[in-house]
Amino acid sequence: VAVEKRAMPAARNDGHLFCIQWEPWFVHGHHSWHGSEAVPVIGMYDSYNEDAMRQHVLWFMDLGVDFIMPDWSNHIWSKKHWNEIDNGARAIVHATTCFLEVLAKMREEGLDVPKVALMPGLSNGPPATMTALNEQLEWIYQNYVLNPRFKGLFQEYDGKPLMLILDTGAMGHK
């Protein structure tokens, strides 16, 4: 299957922003598809597949999406520190890095790609510590926001990169 490159219309500017959640969770051995009633013509979805990510972005652009929210809400459950994340969370971080690289490549082609706002989680399950959350945010800032390759790819709010922190409070874990 060939993913066609095409010129996209400029995004509207009516004062409202349209965000869509995107899941980088479908990686080998983690939340990948293990079976189905039928196999799609282009194969099972894989969050490391750059052509699939590119197609997602093109669809999002067609929809008028202003920014994309990769879901990291389950990375630090019960963790005291960011460096305690497991291999599944590390795979999702890698898939997100691949996604940012796809956006950077598309931008180099002259496409007006949507921005990104990550969604880390604090208590979407067994709560993490504020230390773990702050360490995660610092990692994002050092590795993504300050990375010259990804400059300008993050949605800003009040001049700062927007992070949408999921905190379900007592609903996630009493």
Protein backbone atom coordinates (compact mmCIF):
# COMPACT_ATOMS: atom_id res chain seq x y z
CA VAL A 1 0.00 0.00 0.00
CA ALA A 2 1.40 3.39 -0.92
CA VAL A 3 0.69 6.42 1.24
CA GLU A 4 0.22 9.29 -1.19
CA LYS A 5 1.89 12.60 -0.40
CA ARG A 6 -0.39 15.54 -1.10
CA ALA A 7 -0.79 19.23 -0.44
CA MET A 8 -3.13 19.99 2.42
CA PRO A 9 -5.31 23.06 2.95
CA ALA A 10 -4.28 25.51 5.65
CA ALA A 11 -5.92 25.02 9.05
CA ARG A 12 -8.83 27.32 9.93
CA ASN A 13 -8.29 30.07 12.46
CA ASP A 14 -11.56 30.79 14.27
CA GLY A 15 -10.17 31.11 17.80
CA HIS A 16 -11.00 27.52 18.79
CA LEU A 17 -8.62 24.57 18.92
CA PHE A 18 -9.57 21.02 17.99
CA CYS A 19 -7.60 18.24 19.71
CA ILE A 20 -7.62 14.51 19.10
CA GLN A 21 -6.23 11.81 21.37
CA TRP A 22 -3.74 9.43 19.71
CA GLU A 23 -2.60 6.12 21.15
CA PRO A 24 1.07 5.12 20.74
CA TRP A 25 0.26 1.89 22.61
CA PHE A 26 0.21 -0.62 19.78
CA VAL A 27 3.75 -1.96 19.93
CA HIS A 28 5.05 -5.50 19.77
CA GLY A 29 4.43 -7.45 22.96
CA HIS A 30 2.51 -4.69 24.71
CA HIS A 31 -0.92 -3.70 23.40
CA SER A 32 -0.40 -4.97 19.88
CA TRP A 33 -3.16 -6.72 18.00
CA HIS A 34 -2.91 -10.43 18.74
CA GLY A 35 -5.82 -11.55 16.66
CA SER A 36 -8.83 -10.41 14.76
CA GLU A 37 -11.68 -11.66 12.67
CA ALA A 38 -9.78 -10.54 9.59
CA VAL A 39 -6.36 -9.07 8.86
CA PRO A 40 -6.47 -5.61 7.27
CA VAL A 41 -5.09 -5.43 3.73
CA ILE A 42 -2.20 -3.27 4.91
CA GLY A 43 -1.49 -5.52 7.93
CA MET A 44 -2.01 -5.14 11.64
CA TYR A 45 -1.49 -1.65 13.03
CA ASP A 46 1.88 -0.96 14.65
CA SER A 47 2.72 2.30 16.46
CA TYR A 48 6.26 2.17 15.05
CA ASN A 49 5.04 2.17 11.43
CA GLU A 50 5.91 5.59 10.02
CA ASP A 51 3.59 5.21 7.03
CA ALA A 52 0.67 4.50 9.37
CA MET A 53 1.57 7.50 11.55
CA ARG A 54 1.83 9.70 8.45
CA GLN A 55 -1.58 8.54 7.28
CA HIS A 56 -3.05 9.30 10.71
CA VAL A 57 -1.63 12.82 10.54
CA LEU A 58 -3.04 13.33 7.03
CA TRP A 59 -6.47 12.21 8.24
CA PHE A 60 -6.18 14.51 11.27
CA MET A 61 -5.29 17.39 8.95
CA ASP A 62 -8.30 16.57 6.76
CA LEU A 63 -10.45 16.78 9.91
CA GLY A 64 -9.00 20.17 10.87
CA VAL A 65 -7.21 18.91 13.99
CA ASP A 66 -5.08 21.63 15.58
CA PHE A 67 -3.17 19.45 18.02
CA ILE A 68 -2.71 15.77 18.79
CA MET A 69 -2.59 14.37 22.30
CA PRO A 70 -0.43 11.22 22.62
CA ASP A 71 -1.69 9.27 25.63
CA TRP A 72 0.91 8.62 28.33
CA SER A 73 -1.68 8.43 31.11
CA ASN A 74 -0.67 4.99 32.43
CA HIS A 75 3.12 5.36 32.46
CA ILE A 76 3.85 6.01 36.10
CA TRP A 77 1.21 4.11 38.07
CA SER A 78 2.48 3.53 41.63
CA LYS A 79 5.89 4.96 40.74
CA LYS A 80 7.92 7.12 43.05
CA HIS A 81 10.28 8.17 40.22
CA TRP A 82 10.09 8.50 36.42
CA ASN A 83 13.08 6.20 35.92
CA GLU A 84 11.05 3.30 37.38
CA ILE A 85 8.82 2.97 34.29
CA ASP A 86 8.56 -0.49 32.75
CA ASN A 87 9.43 -1.67 29.25
CA GLY A 88 5.87 -1.19 28.02
CA ALA A 89 5.99 2.50 28.97
CA ARG A 90 9.45 2.81 27.39
CA ALA A 91 8.08 1.33 24.15
CA ILE A 92 5.29 3.94 24.16
CA VAL A 93 7.86 6.70 24.70
CA HIS A 94 9.79 5.35 21.70
CA ALA A 95 6.63 5.25 19.57
CA THR A 96 5.94 8.87 20.55
CA THR A 97 9.48 9.83 19.56
CA CYS A 98 8.91 8.15 16.17
CA PHE A 99 5.65 10.07 15.85
CA LEU A 100 7.38 13.40 16.54
CA GLU A 101 9.97 12.49 13.92
CA VAL A 102 7.21 11.83 11.37
CA LEU A 103 5.70 15.24 12.16
CA ALA A 104 9.12 16.88 11.75
CA LYS A 105 9.61 15.18 8.35
CA MET A 106 6.15 16.23 7.18
CA ARG A 107 6.83 19.79 8.30
CA GLU A 108 10.06 19.74 6.27
CA GLU A 109 7.93 18.88 3.23
CA GLY A 110 6.05 22.11 3.81
CA LEU A 111 2.94 20.61 5.42
CA ASP A 112 1.25 22.58 8.18
CA VAL A 113 1.11 19.67 10.63
CA PRO A 114 -0.90 19.73 13.85
CA LYS A 115 0.92 20.49 17.08
CA VAL A 116 1.35 18.04 19.98
CA ALA A 117 0.35 18.18 23.66
CA LEU A 118 1.27 15.07 25.65
CA MET A 119 -1.11 13.61 28.22
CA PRO A 120 0.82 12.22 31.18
CA GLY A 121 -1.17 10.74 34.02
CA LEU A 122 -0.91 11.11 37.77
CA SER A 123 -3.70 8.89 39.07
CA ASN A 124 -5.39 6.98 36.29
CA GLY A 125 -4.77 3.89 38.39
CA PRO A 126 -2.63 3.44 41.50
CA PRO A 127 -1.39 7.02 42.04
CA ALA A 128 2.16 8.07 41.34
CA THR A 129 4.06 10.63 43.37
CA MET A 130 4.27 14.28 42.38
CA THR A 131 8.02 13.66 42.23
CA ALA A 132 7.52 11.03 39.51
CA LEU A 133 5.19 13.33 37.57
CA ASN A 134 7.58 16.28 37.81
CA GLU A 135 10.50 14.07 36.74
CA GLN A 136 8.44 12.89 33.76
CA LEU A 137 7.62 16.48 32.80
CA GLU A 138 11.30 17.41 33.09
CA TRP A 139 12.21 14.44 30.84
CA ILE A 140 9.65 15.60 28.26
CA TYR A 141 11.03 19.13 28.40
CA GLN A 142 14.68 18.07 28.08
CA ASN A 143 14.18 15.39 25.42
CA TYR A 144 11.33 16.76 23.33
CA VAL A 145 10.64 20.45 23.91
CA LEU A 146 14.31 21.51 23.88
CA ASN A 147 15.16 19.17 20.97
CA PRO A 148 15.82 21.45 17.96
CA ARG A 149 14.34 18.79 15.65
CA PHE A 150 10.96 19.13 17.39
CA LYS A 151 11.04 22.92 17.91
CA GLY A 152 7.64 24.42 17.17
CA LEU A 153 5.78 21.10 17.24
CA PHE A 154 4.27 21.58 20.70
CA GLN A 155 0.96 23.29 21.35
CA GLU A 156 1.53 26.27 23.59
CA TYR A 157 -0.64 27.82 26.25
CA ASP A 158 0.43 31.13 27.80
CA GLY A 159 3.76 30.77 25.98
CA LYS A 160 4.55 27.35 27.44
CA PRO A 161 4.19 23.81 26.07
CA LEU A 162 0.75 22.49 26.98
CA MET A 163 0.65 19.24 28.96
CA LEU A 164 -2.77 17.73 29.72
CA ILE A 165 -2.30 15.79 32.95
CA LEU A 166 -4.88 13.10 33.62
CA ASP A 167 -5.74 12.97 37.30
CA THR A 168 -8.82 10.89 38.02
CA GLY A 169 -8.24 11.24 41.75
CA ALA A 170 -10.30 8.85 43.83
CA MET A 171 -11.87 7.28 40.74
CA GLY A 172 -8.51 5.85 39.69
CA HIS A 173 -7.52 4.50 43.11
CA LYS A 174 -9.06 5.16 46.51
